[in-house]
């Protein structure tokens, strides 16, 4: 179980730390752990599953896939660094 910071989430998935903070305040978004008032972490596998769940696509920023960002095409969220089998 690898923990990742909001900064690493932003780099890997193109979701800003500010958007993650907004989701936490609203009670939506992926599960997270808060160890101190200033330390938040996500479990990489849990975040990936949440990110790829089509039910969550409406929360994700829409990006043009030509810019190398994430895509919500066909209700399935994909990321250029994510390998999708099948």
N, C-alpha and C. Protein backbone atom coordinates (compact mmCIF):
# COMPACT_ATOMS: atom_id res chain seq x y z
N UNK A 1 0.85 -1.17 0.00
CA UNK A 1 0.00 0.00 0.00
C UNK A 1 0.89 1.23 0.00
N UNK A 2 0.96 1.91 -1.15
CA UNK A 2 1.78 3.10 -1.28
C UNK A 2 0.94 4.34 -1.07
N UNK A 3 1.40 5.21 -0.19
CA UNK A 3 0.72 6.48 0.05
C UNK A 3 1.33 7.54 -0.86
N UNK A 4 0.46 8.38 -1.43
CA UNK A 4 0.94 9.47 -2.28
C UNK A 4 0.35 10.79 -1.80
N UNK A 5 1.11 11.83 -1.97
CA UNK A 5 0.69 13.17 -1.53
C UNK A 5 -0.17 13.82 -2.60
N UNK A 6 -0.90 14.86 -2.22
CA UNK A 6 -1.67 15.61 -3.22
C UNK A 6 -0.78 16.16 -4.34
N UNK A 7 0.44 16.53 -4.03
CA UNK A 7 1.37 17.01 -5.05
C UNK A 7 1.68 15.93 -6.07
N UNK A 8 1.90 14.71 -5.59
CA UNK A 8 2.17 13.59 -6.49
C UNK A 8 0.92 13.22 -7.29
N UNK A 9 -0.26 13.31 -6.67
CA UNK A 9 -1.51 13.07 -7.39
C UNK A 9 -1.61 14.07 -8.54
N UNK A 10 -1.30 15.33 -8.28
CA UNK A 10 -1.35 16.36 -9.32
C UNK A 10 -0.43 16.03 -10.48
N UNK A 11 0.78 15.58 -10.18
CA UNK A 11 1.73 15.21 -11.23
C UNK A 11 1.27 14.00 -12.02
N UNK A 12 0.79 12.97 -11.33
CA UNK A 12 0.44 11.71 -11.97
C UNK A 12 -0.90 11.76 -12.69
N UNK A 13 -1.88 12.46 -12.13
CA UNK A 13 -3.24 12.40 -12.65
C UNK A 13 -3.76 13.72 -13.21
N UNK A 14 -3.00 14.79 -13.05
CA UNK A 14 -3.44 16.07 -13.58
C UNK A 14 -4.57 16.71 -12.80
N UNK A 15 -4.73 16.32 -11.55
CA UNK A 15 -5.75 16.90 -10.68
C UNK A 15 -5.04 17.78 -9.66
N UNK A 16 -5.37 19.03 -9.63
CA UNK A 16 -4.64 19.96 -8.77
C UNK A 16 -4.86 19.67 -7.29
N UNK A 17 -3.88 20.06 -6.50
CA UNK A 17 -3.99 19.92 -5.05
C UNK A 17 -5.17 20.76 -4.54
N UNK A 18 -5.43 21.89 -5.19
CA UNK A 18 -6.56 22.74 -4.79
C UNK A 18 -7.89 22.03 -5.02
N UNK A 19 -8.02 21.32 -6.14
CA UNK A 19 -9.26 20.58 -6.40
C UNK A 19 -9.42 19.44 -5.40
N UNK A 20 -8.34 18.76 -5.07
CA UNK A 20 -8.40 17.69 -4.06
C UNK A 20 -8.86 18.26 -2.71
N UNK A 21 -8.32 19.43 -2.35
CA UNK A 21 -8.71 20.08 -1.10
C UNK A 21 -10.21 20.45 -1.12
N UNK A 22 -10.68 20.96 -2.27
CA UNK A 22 -12.09 21.29 -2.42
C UNK A 22 -12.95 20.05 -2.26
N UNK A 23 -12.57 18.93 -2.86
CA UNK A 23 -13.32 17.69 -2.71
C UNK A 23 -13.37 17.24 -1.26
N UNK A 24 -12.23 17.34 -0.54
CA UNK A 24 -12.22 16.95 0.87
C UNK A 24 -13.19 17.79 1.67
N UNK A 25 -13.23 19.09 1.42
CA UNK A 25 -14.15 19.99 2.13
C UNK A 25 -15.60 19.67 1.82
N UNK A 26 -15.88 19.23 0.59
CA UNK A 26 -17.25 18.92 0.18
C UNK A 26 -17.65 17.49 0.54
N UNK A 27 -16.69 16.69 0.97
CA UNK A 27 -16.99 15.30 1.31
C UNK A 27 -17.16 14.40 0.10
N UNK A 28 -16.57 14.78 -1.02
CA UNK A 28 -16.58 13.96 -2.23
C UNK A 28 -15.14 13.63 -2.60
N UNK A 29 -14.99 12.81 -3.60
CA UNK A 29 -13.65 12.48 -4.05
C UNK A 29 -13.14 11.20 -3.43
N UNK A 30 -11.89 10.88 -3.73
CA UNK A 30 -11.32 9.62 -3.26
C UNK A 30 -11.05 9.63 -1.76
N UNK A 31 -10.98 8.42 -1.20
CA UNK A 31 -10.65 8.27 0.22
C UNK A 31 -9.25 8.82 0.47
N UNK A 32 -9.08 9.45 1.61
CA UNK A 32 -7.77 10.00 1.98
C UNK A 32 -7.53 9.77 3.46
N UNK A 33 -6.28 9.94 3.84
CA UNK A 33 -5.87 9.83 5.24
C UNK A 33 -5.25 11.15 5.64
N UNK A 34 -5.65 11.65 6.81
CA UNK A 34 -5.09 12.89 7.32
C UNK A 34 -4.40 12.57 8.63
N UNK A 35 -3.07 12.58 8.59
CA UNK A 35 -2.28 12.20 9.76
C UNK A 35 -2.10 13.36 10.73
N UNK A 36 -1.97 14.56 10.19
CA UNK A 36 -1.90 15.78 10.99
C UNK A 36 -2.76 16.82 10.27
N UNK A 37 -2.88 17.99 10.86
CA UNK A 37 -3.69 19.04 10.24
C UNK A 37 -3.16 19.45 8.86
N UNK A 38 -1.86 19.22 8.62
CA UNK A 38 -1.25 19.65 7.37
C UNK A 38 -0.78 18.49 6.49
N UNK A 39 -1.03 17.26 6.88
CA UNK A 39 -0.54 16.11 6.12
C UNK A 39 -1.70 15.24 5.65
N UNK A 40 -1.90 15.22 4.35
CA UNK A 40 -2.94 14.41 3.72
C UNK A 40 -2.26 13.46 2.74
N UNK A 41 -2.72 12.22 2.71
CA UNK A 41 -2.18 11.23 1.77
C UNK A 41 -3.31 10.40 1.20
N UNK A 42 -3.07 9.89 0.01
CA UNK A 42 -4.00 9.00 -0.67
C UNK A 42 -3.30 7.67 -0.91
N UNK A 43 -4.06 6.59 -0.88
CA UNK A 43 -3.49 5.28 -1.23
C UNK A 43 -3.53 5.22 -2.75
N UNK A 44 -2.36 5.02 -3.36
CA UNK A 44 -2.23 5.05 -4.81
C UNK A 44 -3.23 4.11 -5.50
N UNK A 45 -3.35 2.88 -5.04
CA UNK A 45 -4.27 1.92 -5.67
C UNK A 45 -5.72 2.36 -5.53
N UNK A 46 -6.10 2.86 -4.36
CA UNK A 46 -7.47 3.33 -4.15
C UNK A 46 -7.76 4.53 -5.04
N UNK A 47 -6.79 5.45 -5.12
CA UNK A 47 -6.98 6.63 -5.95
C UNK A 47 -7.14 6.23 -7.40
N UNK A 48 -6.31 5.33 -7.89
CA UNK A 48 -6.39 4.88 -9.28
C UNK A 48 -7.75 4.25 -9.57
N UNK A 49 -8.23 3.42 -8.66
CA UNK A 49 -9.56 2.80 -8.84
C UNK A 49 -10.65 3.87 -8.88
N UNK A 50 -10.58 4.83 -7.97
CA UNK A 50 -11.56 5.90 -7.94
C UNK A 50 -11.49 6.72 -9.23
N UNK A 51 -10.29 7.06 -9.65
CA UNK A 51 -10.06 7.86 -10.84
C UNK A 51 -10.61 7.18 -12.09
N UNK A 52 -10.52 5.86 -12.16
CA UNK A 52 -10.97 5.12 -13.33
C UNK A 52 -12.43 4.69 -13.26
N UNK A 53 -13.13 4.99 -12.17
CA UNK A 53 -14.53 4.63 -12.04
C UNK A 53 -15.37 5.63 -12.85
N UNK A 54 -16.12 5.15 -13.87
CA UNK A 54 -16.93 6.06 -14.69
C UNK A 54 -17.94 6.89 -13.88
N UNK A 55 -18.35 6.40 -12.72
CA UNK A 55 -19.29 7.14 -11.89
C UNK A 55 -18.69 8.44 -11.35
N UNK A 56 -17.38 8.55 -11.38
CA UNK A 56 -16.71 9.74 -10.85
C UNK A 56 -16.30 10.73 -11.94
N UNK A 57 -16.54 10.38 -13.19
CA UNK A 57 -16.09 11.22 -14.31
C UNK A 57 -16.65 12.64 -14.23
N UNK A 58 -17.85 12.81 -13.68
CA UNK A 58 -18.44 14.16 -13.60
C UNK A 58 -17.68 15.08 -12.66
N UNK A 59 -16.89 14.54 -11.76
CA UNK A 59 -16.11 15.36 -10.82
C UNK A 59 -14.78 15.81 -11.40
N UNK A 60 -14.32 15.11 -12.42
CA UNK A 60 -13.00 15.37 -12.96
C UNK A 60 -13.03 16.49 -13.99
N UNK A 61 -11.98 17.30 -14.02
CA UNK A 61 -11.92 18.36 -15.03
C UNK A 61 -11.86 17.74 -16.42
N UNK A 62 -12.59 18.29 -17.35
CA UNK A 62 -12.57 17.80 -18.72
C UNK A 62 -11.36 18.39 -19.41
N UNK A 63 -10.54 17.52 -19.99
CA UNK A 63 -9.35 17.97 -20.71
C UNK A 63 -9.36 17.36 -22.09
N UNK A 64 -8.80 18.10 -23.02
CA UNK A 64 -8.63 17.60 -24.38
C UNK A 64 -7.52 16.57 -24.37
N UNK A 65 -7.78 15.37 -24.89
CA UNK A 65 -6.76 14.32 -24.84
C UNK A 65 -5.55 14.66 -25.69
N UNK A 66 -5.68 15.61 -26.62
CA UNK A 66 -4.53 15.99 -27.44
C UNK A 66 -3.48 16.74 -26.64
N UNK A 67 -3.87 17.28 -25.46
CA UNK A 67 -2.89 18.00 -24.64
C UNK A 67 -2.14 17.08 -23.69
N UNK A 68 -2.40 15.76 -23.79
CA UNK A 68 -1.68 14.81 -22.95
C UNK A 68 -2.28 14.64 -21.58
N UNK A 69 -3.44 15.24 -21.33
CA UNK A 69 -4.06 15.14 -20.03
C UNK A 69 -4.99 13.96 -19.92
N UNK A 70 -5.75 13.93 -18.86
CA UNK A 70 -6.71 12.86 -18.63
C UNK A 70 -7.89 13.01 -19.57
N UNK A 71 -8.59 11.92 -19.78
CA UNK A 71 -9.77 11.94 -20.64
C UNK A 71 -10.90 11.20 -19.98
N UNK A 72 -12.11 11.69 -20.17
CA UNK A 72 -13.30 11.02 -19.64
C UNK A 72 -14.13 10.47 -20.78
N UNK A 73 -13.53 10.24 -21.92
CA UNK A 73 -14.26 9.78 -23.10
C UNK A 73 -14.95 8.46 -22.81
N UNK A 74 -16.13 8.32 -23.33
CA UNK A 74 -16.94 7.10 -23.20
C UNK A 74 -17.23 6.73 -21.76
N UNK A 75 -17.21 7.70 -20.85
CA UNK A 75 -17.52 7.43 -19.46
C UNK A 75 -16.40 6.74 -18.70
N UNK A 76 -15.32 6.44 -19.33
CA UNK A 76 -14.17 5.78 -18.70
C UNK A 76 -13.05 6.78 -18.62
N UNK A 77 -12.55 7.00 -17.45
CA UNK A 77 -11.48 7.96 -17.26
C UNK A 77 -10.16 7.25 -17.51
N UNK A 78 -9.37 7.85 -18.39
CA UNK A 78 -8.05 7.28 -18.66
C UNK A 78 -7.02 8.37 -18.52
N UNK A 79 -5.82 7.99 -18.33
CA UNK A 79 -4.72 8.90 -18.17
C UNK A 79 -3.62 8.42 -19.11
N UNK A 80 -2.86 9.31 -19.70
CA UNK A 80 -1.87 8.87 -20.68
C UNK A 80 -0.83 7.90 -20.12
N UNK A 81 -0.62 7.89 -18.82
CA UNK A 81 0.35 6.97 -18.22
C UNK A 81 -0.29 5.72 -17.66
N UNK A 82 -1.60 5.54 -17.90
CA UNK A 82 -2.32 4.40 -17.37
C UNK A 82 -2.47 3.36 -18.47
N UNK A 83 -2.11 2.13 -18.18
CA UNK A 83 -2.28 1.04 -19.13
C UNK A 83 -3.62 0.38 -18.84
N UNK A 84 -4.47 0.33 -19.86
CA UNK A 84 -5.79 -0.28 -19.72
C UNK A 84 -5.79 -1.59 -20.48
N UNK A 85 -6.02 -2.68 -19.78
CA UNK A 85 -6.05 -3.99 -20.41
C UNK A 85 -7.44 -4.28 -20.91
N UNK A 86 -7.53 -4.88 -22.09
CA UNK A 86 -8.82 -5.32 -22.60
C UNK A 86 -9.27 -4.49 -23.67
